[in-house]
Protein backbone atom coordinates (compact mmCIF):
# COMPACT_ATOMS: atom_id res chain seq x y z
CA MET A 1 13.04 -17.00 42.92
CA THR A 2 15.62 -14.95 44.84
CA LEU A 3 14.08 -13.29 47.89
CA ASP A 4 15.37 -10.18 49.60
CA PRO A 5 16.48 -11.49 53.04
CA ARG A 6 14.67 -8.50 54.61
CA THR A 7 11.30 -9.73 53.30
CA PRO A 8 8.93 -10.06 56.30
CA VAL A 9 7.01 -13.29 56.82
CA LEU A 10 4.56 -14.43 59.46
CA VAL A 11 5.83 -17.81 60.68
CA GLY A 12 3.90 -18.78 63.82
CA VAL A 13 0.60 -18.14 65.57
CA GLY A 14 -0.83 -19.20 68.92
CA GLN A 15 -4.06 -18.89 70.91
CA PHE A 16 -5.15 -19.73 74.43
CA THR A 17 -8.56 -19.71 76.10
CA GLU A 18 -9.48 -20.38 79.73
CA ARG A 19 -13.22 -20.78 80.40
CA LEU A 20 -14.88 -20.32 83.77
CA GLU A 21 -16.65 -23.68 83.43
CA ASP A 22 -13.41 -25.56 82.69
CA PRO A 23 -12.53 -28.05 85.48
CA ASP A 24 -8.96 -26.70 85.60
CA TYR A 25 -9.94 -23.02 85.57
CA ARG A 26 -7.26 -20.99 87.36
CA GLY A 27 -8.26 -17.38 86.89
CA MET A 28 -5.07 -16.46 85.06
CA SER A 29 -3.52 -13.02 84.76
CA SER A 30 -3.22 -11.14 81.48
CA VAL A 31 0.49 -11.91 81.48
CA GLU A 32 -0.09 -15.64 81.98
CA LEU A 33 -2.71 -15.77 79.23
CA ALA A 34 -0.48 -13.98 76.74
CA ALA A 35 2.51 -16.12 77.71
CA ALA A 36 0.56 -19.31 77.00
CA ALA A 37 -0.37 -17.99 73.56
CA ALA A 38 3.19 -16.77 72.92
CA ALA A 39 4.64 -20.18 73.78
CA ALA A 40 2.19 -21.77 71.32
CA ALA A 41 3.14 -19.28 68.60
CA LEU A 42 6.87 -19.88 69.09
CA ALA A 43 6.34 -23.64 68.91
CA ASP A 44 4.18 -23.19 65.80
CA THR A 45 7.15 -21.79 63.87
CA GLY A 46 8.62 -25.31 63.63
CA ALA A 47 12.10 -23.80 63.97
CA THR A 48 15.05 -26.07 64.57
CA THR A 49 16.59 -23.58 67.03
CA ARG A 50 15.10 -21.58 69.91
CA VAL A 51 13.20 -18.64 68.43
CA ALA A 52 12.56 -16.95 71.80
CA GLU A 53 16.23 -16.09 72.24
CA ALA A 54 16.23 -14.39 68.82
CA VAL A 55 13.24 -12.10 69.52
CA ASP A 56 14.45 -8.52 69.34
CA ALA A 57 11.08 -6.76 69.67
CA VAL A 58 7.91 -7.67 71.57
CA VAL A 59 4.70 -5.72 70.94
CA GLY A 60 1.73 -5.99 73.31
CA ILE A 61 -1.81 -4.76 72.75
CA ARG A 62 -3.02 -2.78 75.76
CA GLN A 63 -5.72 -4.70 77.60
CA PHE A 64 -8.76 -3.25 79.37
CA GLU A 65 -7.38 -3.59 82.89
CA ILE A 66 -4.56 -1.12 82.17
CA SER A 67 -6.65 1.31 80.13
CA GLY A 68 -7.66 3.57 82.98
CA ARG A 69 -6.82 4.40 86.55
CA GLY A 70 -7.81 1.88 89.19
CA MET A 71 -9.04 -0.74 86.71
CA ALA A 72 -6.51 -3.48 87.54
CA GLY A 73 -8.30 -4.76 90.62
CA LEU A 74 -5.87 -7.65 91.11
CA GLY A 75 -2.73 -5.72 90.23
CA CYS A 76 -0.78 -5.83 86.99
CA SER A 77 2.68 -5.74 85.49
CA ASP A 78 4.51 -2.45 85.15
CA ASN A 79 5.77 -3.69 81.77
CA TYR A 80 3.28 -6.10 80.20
CA PRO A 81 5.32 -6.91 77.05
CA ARG A 82 8.49 -7.66 79.02
CA SER A 83 6.64 -9.75 81.61
CA VAL A 84 5.31 -11.96 78.82
CA ALA A 85 8.67 -12.06 77.02
CA GLY A 86 10.44 -13.17 80.19
CA ARG A 87 8.07 -16.08 80.67
CA VAL A 88 8.91 -17.53 77.24
CA GLY A 89 12.66 -16.96 77.47
CA ALA A 90 12.89 -13.80 75.36
CA SER A 91 14.89 -10.70 76.22
CA PRO A 92 14.10 -8.22 73.44
CA ALA A 93 15.89 -4.94 72.87
CA ARG A 94 12.57 -3.21 72.25
CA ALA A 95 9.21 -3.47 74.02
CA VAL A 96 6.10 -1.65 72.79
CA LEU A 97 2.65 -1.24 74.36
CA GLU A 98 0.10 -0.45 71.65
CA PRO A 99 -3.09 1.49 72.52
CA ILE A 100 -6.32 -0.42 73.07
CA GLY A 101 -8.49 -1.05 70.03
CA GLY A 102 -9.74 -3.71 67.69
CA GLN A 103 -7.49 -2.40 64.93
CA GLY A 104 -4.40 -2.93 67.09
CA PRO A 105 -3.35 -6.45 66.11
CA GLN A 106 -3.54 -5.75 62.37
CA HIS A 107 -1.91 -2.35 62.83
CA VAL A 108 1.15 -3.73 64.61
CA VAL A 109 1.54 -6.63 62.17
CA THR A 110 1.56 -4.09 59.33
CA GLU A 111 3.88 -1.70 61.17
CA PHE A 112 6.41 -4.25 62.33
CA ALA A 113 6.52 -6.01 58.99
CA GLY A 114 7.77 -2.62 57.81
CA VAL A 115 10.24 -2.45 60.70
CA ILE A 116 11.61 -5.85 59.65
CA ALA A 117 11.79 -4.81 55.99
CA ALA A 118 13.73 -1.69 57.01
CA GLY A 119 16.32 -3.80 58.83
CA GLU A 120 15.40 -2.47 62.29
CA ALA A 121 14.37 -5.88 63.69
CA ASP A 122 14.72 -9.53 62.70
CA VAL A 123 12.23 -11.35 64.92
CA VAL A 124 9.10 -9.73 66.37
CA LEU A 125 6.64 -11.27 68.84
CA VAL A 126 3.14 -9.74 68.85
CA ILE A 127 0.94 -10.53 71.88
CA GLY A 128 -2.46 -9.69 73.30
CA SER A 129 -4.72 -10.93 76.08
CA GLU A 130 -7.75 -10.10 78.21
CA ASN A 131 -8.49 -11.44 81.69
CA GLY A 132 -12.01 -10.11 82.18
CA SER A 133 -13.22 -13.48 83.47
CA THR A 134 -10.54 -13.50 86.18
CA LEU A 135 -11.35 -9.95 87.26
CA ARG A 136 -15.03 -10.79 87.54
CA SER A 137 -14.64 -14.18 89.26
CA PHE A 138 -12.41 -12.75 92.01
CA ALA A 139 -14.20 -9.39 92.34
CA LYS A 140 -16.04 -10.36 95.54
CA ALA A 141 -13.70 -13.08 96.76
CA ALA A 142 -12.07 -12.69 100.15
CA ASP A 143 -8.85 -14.38 99.02
CA LYS A 144 -7.72 -12.61 95.85
CA PRO A 145 -4.60 -13.39 93.82
CA ASP A 146 -2.01 -10.67 93.37
CA HIS A 147 -1.05 -10.20 89.72
CA SER A 148 1.32 -7.31 90.41
CA GLU A 149 4.74 -7.56 88.76
CA THR A 150 7.66 -5.16 88.68
CA VAL A 151 10.03 -5.97 85.85
CA GLY A 152 11.15 -2.51 84.73
CA GLY A 153 13.18 -2.11 81.57
CA GLN A 154 12.60 -0.13 78.42
CA LEU A 155 8.97 0.31 77.35
CA GLU A 156 7.52 2.38 74.54
CA ASP A 157 4.07 3.10 75.99
CA ARG A 158 1.88 4.56 73.27
CA GLY A 159 -0.90 5.60 75.63
CA TYR A 160 -4.56 4.71 75.99
CA GLY A 161 -5.58 5.60 72.44
CA TYR A 162 -8.78 7.38 73.44
CA GLN A 163 -8.14 10.42 71.22
CA GLY A 164 -10.95 10.73 68.72
CA LEU A 165 -13.10 8.15 70.54
CA PHE A 166 -14.69 10.55 73.00
CA ASP A 167 -14.28 14.08 74.35
CA ASP A 168 -16.10 16.42 76.73
CA TYR A 169 -19.00 16.83 74.29
CA THR A 170 -19.61 13.11 73.75
CA VAL A 171 -19.25 12.43 77.49
CA ALA A 172 -21.83 15.13 78.25
CA HIS A 173 -24.28 13.35 75.95
CA GLY A 174 -23.65 9.84 77.27
CA LEU A 175 -21.58 8.63 74.31
CA VAL A 176 -18.82 7.08 76.39
CA GLY A 177 -18.93 3.29 76.20
CA ALA A 178 -18.66 1.32 72.99
CA PRO A 179 -22.29 0.04 73.01
CA ALA A 180 -23.66 3.59 73.08
CA GLN A 181 -21.41 4.81 70.28
CA TYR A 182 -21.94 1.78 68.06
CA GLY A 183 -25.66 1.89 68.87
CA LEU A 184 -25.75 5.41 67.45
CA LEU A 185 -24.07 4.22 64.25
CA GLU A 186 -26.37 1.20 64.07
CA ASN A 187 -29.51 3.34 64.36
CA ALA A 188 -28.17 5.73 61.73
CA ARG A 189 -27.76 2.79 59.37
CA ARG A 190 -31.22 1.50 60.29
CA GLY A 191 -32.61 4.86 59.20
CA ARG A 192 -30.67 4.74 55.93
CA VAL A 193 -31.86 1.25 54.98
CA GLY A 194 -35.42 2.06 56.06
CA LEU A 195 -36.14 -0.72 58.55
CA GLY A 196 -38.24 -0.61 61.69
CA VAL A 197 -36.78 -1.58 65.08
CA ALA A 198 -37.97 -5.21 65.05
CA ASP A 199 -36.99 -5.86 61.44
CA TYR A 200 -33.54 -4.34 61.93
CA ARG A 201 -32.94 -6.38 65.07
CA ARG A 202 -33.79 -9.49 63.11
CA SER A 203 -31.39 -8.47 60.34
CA MET A 204 -28.61 -8.16 62.94
CA ALA A 205 -29.48 -11.58 64.30
CA GLU A 206 -29.47 -13.08 60.80
CA LEU A 207 -25.98 -11.63 60.31
CA PHE A 208 -24.58 -12.95 63.59
CA ALA A 209 -26.21 -16.39 63.83
CA PRO A 210 -23.83 -17.95 61.26
CA PHE A 211 -20.88 -16.46 63.15
CA SER A 212 -22.02 -18.33 66.25
CA ALA A 213 -21.88 -21.56 64.25
CA VAL A 214 -18.22 -20.83 63.49
CA ALA A 215 -17.58 -20.08 67.16
CA ALA A 216 -19.24 -23.32 68.25
CA ALA A 217 -16.71 -25.30 66.19
CA ASN A 218 -13.67 -23.29 67.33
CA PRO A 219 -11.71 -24.91 70.20
CA PHE A 220 -10.47 -21.45 71.25
CA SER A 221 -13.92 -19.84 71.38
CA ALA A 222 -14.88 -18.31 74.73
CA SER A 223 -18.51 -19.17 74.06
CA PRO A 224 -18.72 -22.22 71.78
CA VAL A 225 -22.51 -22.16 71.50
CA GLN A 226 -24.43 -22.03 68.24
CA ARG A 227 -27.34 -19.58 68.43
CA THR A 228 -30.45 -19.38 66.28
CA VAL A 229 -31.72 -16.17 64.75
CA ASP A 230 -34.69 -16.20 67.14
CA GLU A 231 -32.45 -16.66 70.18
CA ILE A 232 -30.34 -13.67 69.22
CA ALA A 233 -33.25 -11.42 68.25
CA THR A 234 -35.57 -12.18 71.18
CA VAL A 235 -35.13 -10.07 74.30
CA SER A 236 -35.40 -12.27 77.39
CA ALA A 237 -34.01 -12.69 80.90
CA GLY A 238 -30.92 -14.33 79.41
CA ASN A 239 -30.72 -11.89 76.50
CA ARG A 240 -31.38 -8.57 78.17
CA MET A 241 -31.07 -5.23 76.43
CA ILE A 242 -27.57 -3.77 76.85
CA CYS A 243 -28.02 -0.57 74.88
CA ASP A 244 -30.40 0.36 72.08
CA PRO A 245 -30.52 -1.50 69.69
CA TYR A 246 -28.51 -4.37 71.20
CA PRO A 247 -29.64 -7.35 73.24
CA ARG A 248 -26.75 -9.10 75.02
CA LEU A 249 -26.16 -11.69 72.28
CA LEU A 250 -25.41 -8.94 69.76
CA VAL A 251 -22.59 -7.52 71.89
CA ALA A 252 -19.13 -9.11 72.13
CA ARG A 253 -18.30 -10.73 75.46
CA ASP A 254 -15.70 -8.79 77.41
CA GLN A 255 -15.61 -11.15 80.39
CA VAL A 256 -13.27 -13.68 78.80
CA ASN A 257 -9.83 -15.09 79.51
CA GLN A 258 -8.06 -15.27 76.17
CA GLY A 259 -4.63 -14.72 74.68
CA ALA A 260 -3.23 -14.64 71.16
CA ALA A 261 0.21 -14.20 69.64
CA ALA A 262 2.03 -14.08 66.31
CA VAL A 263 5.67 -14.32 65.29
CA LEU A 264 7.04 -12.21 62.44
CA MET A 265 10.56 -12.41 61.10
CA SER A 266 12.69 -11.66 58.10
CA VAL A 267 13.30 -14.36 55.51
CA GLY A 268 16.96 -14.21 56.49
CA ALA A 269 16.13 -14.89 60.14
CA ALA A 270 13.69 -17.64 59.17
CA ARG A 271 16.44 -19.41 57.25
CA ARG A 272 18.96 -18.91 60.05
CA LEU A 273 16.58 -20.28 62.71
CA GLY A 274 15.47 -23.24 60.63
CA VAL A 275 11.83 -22.26 60.11
CA PRO A 276 10.40 -24.52 57.36
CA GLU A 277 9.57 -22.55 54.24
CA ALA A 278 6.09 -24.07 54.30
CA ASN A 279 5.46 -21.95 57.43
CA TRP A 280 6.28 -18.64 55.75
CA VAL A 281 3.18 -16.52 55.18
CA TYR A 282 3.79 -13.46 53.02
CA LEU A 283 1.91 -10.25 53.75
CA ARG A 284 0.55 -9.35 50.33
CA GLY A 285 -1.36 -6.14 50.93
CA HIS A 286 -2.18 -3.84 53.81
CA ALA A 287 -3.51 -0.40 54.65
CA ASP A 288 -3.66 1.68 57.80
CA LEU A 289 -6.05 4.62 58.18
CA VAL A 290 -6.97 6.84 61.11
CA ASP A 291 -10.65 7.71 61.11
CA GLN A 292 -12.28 11.04 61.86
CA PRO A 293 -13.67 11.57 65.37
CA LEU A 294 -17.11 10.01 65.70
CA LEU A 295 -19.24 13.14 65.44
CA ASP A 296 -17.09 14.74 62.74
CA ARG A 297 -18.02 12.07 60.19
CA ALA A 298 -20.18 13.23 57.30
CA ASP A 299 -22.38 10.12 57.48
CA LEU A 300 -22.84 8.18 60.72
CA SER A 301 -24.55 5.35 58.84
CA PHE A 302 -21.49 4.45 56.75
CA ASN A 303 -17.79 4.34 57.60
CA SER A 304 -15.87 5.26 54.47
CA ALA A 305 -12.43 5.00 56.13
CA SER A 306 -12.67 1.26 56.68
CA ILE A 307 -13.72 0.69 53.07
CA LEU A 308 -10.89 2.90 51.80
CA ALA A 309 -8.54 0.68 53.85
CA VAL A 310 -10.00 -2.46 52.26
CA GLU A 311 -9.70 -1.00 48.77
CA GLU A 312 -6.09 0.09 49.34
CA ALA A 313 -5.07 -3.28 50.83
CA LEU A 314 -6.54 -5.05 47.79
CA ARG A 315 -4.81 -2.59 45.44
CA VAL A 316 -1.44 -3.13 47.11
CA ALA A 317 -1.93 -6.91 46.89
CA GLY A 318 -2.94 -6.66 43.23
CA VAL A 319 -6.20 -8.54 43.72
CA GLY A 320 -9.92 -7.83 43.72
CA ILE A 321 -12.60 -8.63 46.27
CA ASP A 322 -13.68 -11.66 44.20
CA ASP A 323 -10.20 -13.17 44.56
CA ILE A 324 -10.50 -13.46 48.34
CA GLY A 325 -11.45 -16.90 49.64
CA THR A 326 -11.76 -16.15 53.37
CA PHE A 327 -12.74 -12.99 55.21
CA ASP A 328 -11.83 -12.50 58.88
CA LEU A 329 -13.79 -9.46 60.06
CA TYR A 330 -13.21 -8.02 63.51
CA SER A 331 -16.23 -6.50 65.21
CA CYS A 332 -17.79 -6.25 68.65
CA PHE A 333 -21.11 -5.21 67.06
CA PRO A 334 -22.99 -5.82 63.79
CA VAL A 335 -22.63 -2.37 62.20
CA PRO A 336 -18.94 -2.65 61.15
CA VAL A 337 -19.71 -5.95 59.42
CA PHE A 338 -22.73 -4.41 57.71
CA ASN A 339 -20.48 -1.51 56.72
CA PHE A 340 -18.02 -3.90 55.08
CA LEU A 341 -20.84 -5.53 53.14
CA ASP A 342 -22.39 -2.19 52.17
CA GLY A 343 -19.04 -0.84 50.99
CA THR A 344 -17.84 -3.87 49.03
CA GLY A 345 -21.10 -5.23 47.68
CA LEU A 346 -20.33 -8.58 49.28
CA ALA A 347 -23.37 -10.65 50.30
CA ALA A 348 -23.63 -11.80 53.89
């Protein structure tokens, strides 16, 4: 088969996790965490030449500490993508800072695969990291590290990405943080499916307990602990209520030190850099939708936009839901996973 040399392929991935209980815990910065993951992703390409020097675009996902004024208690880089790029030996022509959000990694993979296909880039490094553990562990320390960096250079800063997430009206009614907003959606779904508080909490725990088994076996998990349904559903001193209807074990941990990265390139660049063809992953189908603001949605119990995205990605790929062997669902809370199941008919 003759391939268009502009065909985008994903050729390397990397992850990094630093746990507070690790004997060599350092309390790394967001830049250091992302750089560790980026180095792993570059090595994962298996290229025979240095990929870092060929990177012409680096795209970073905005982390929490730079998503509001005064949040970077230990200082931060003035150009997160370029700070990370410099640590792995890359000097890209273009640096992009994507808004915060769980959709961000998939969005930029989709977008920059298109950039590669259009001939506007050959090698793209996508990075993300969070250093919530570091920020917490040094919060009350007398001797704090300084993570400030001034690197300058071009940066396409796409902003915080808060538009549509909250406004003056939602703030006035306490719908500011993610737990409160998702809790509203969760209770709307509870009303639709007709379950009482205790039964619905158990259904959430039954959904998430198997996920904890996956996490327990993952060397990059921040919390590699398998939880039972009863542990997750039972409110206790160690599983306090965060926000109705969520005990702590039903809410994603934000106090982690983790980084992840991916390398995208054109088939032409992959051949030129000596990336083994066995490492080329083709992007078969994708879809990108922007949802309505929270309180403008016709039905708070069901998110139709995410299901439309799933249906379109499957259509583009030319496959059906039954053809998929593995599902990787991003969610900080149960309700988006329930929504995926409700919308596709897939059993948990």
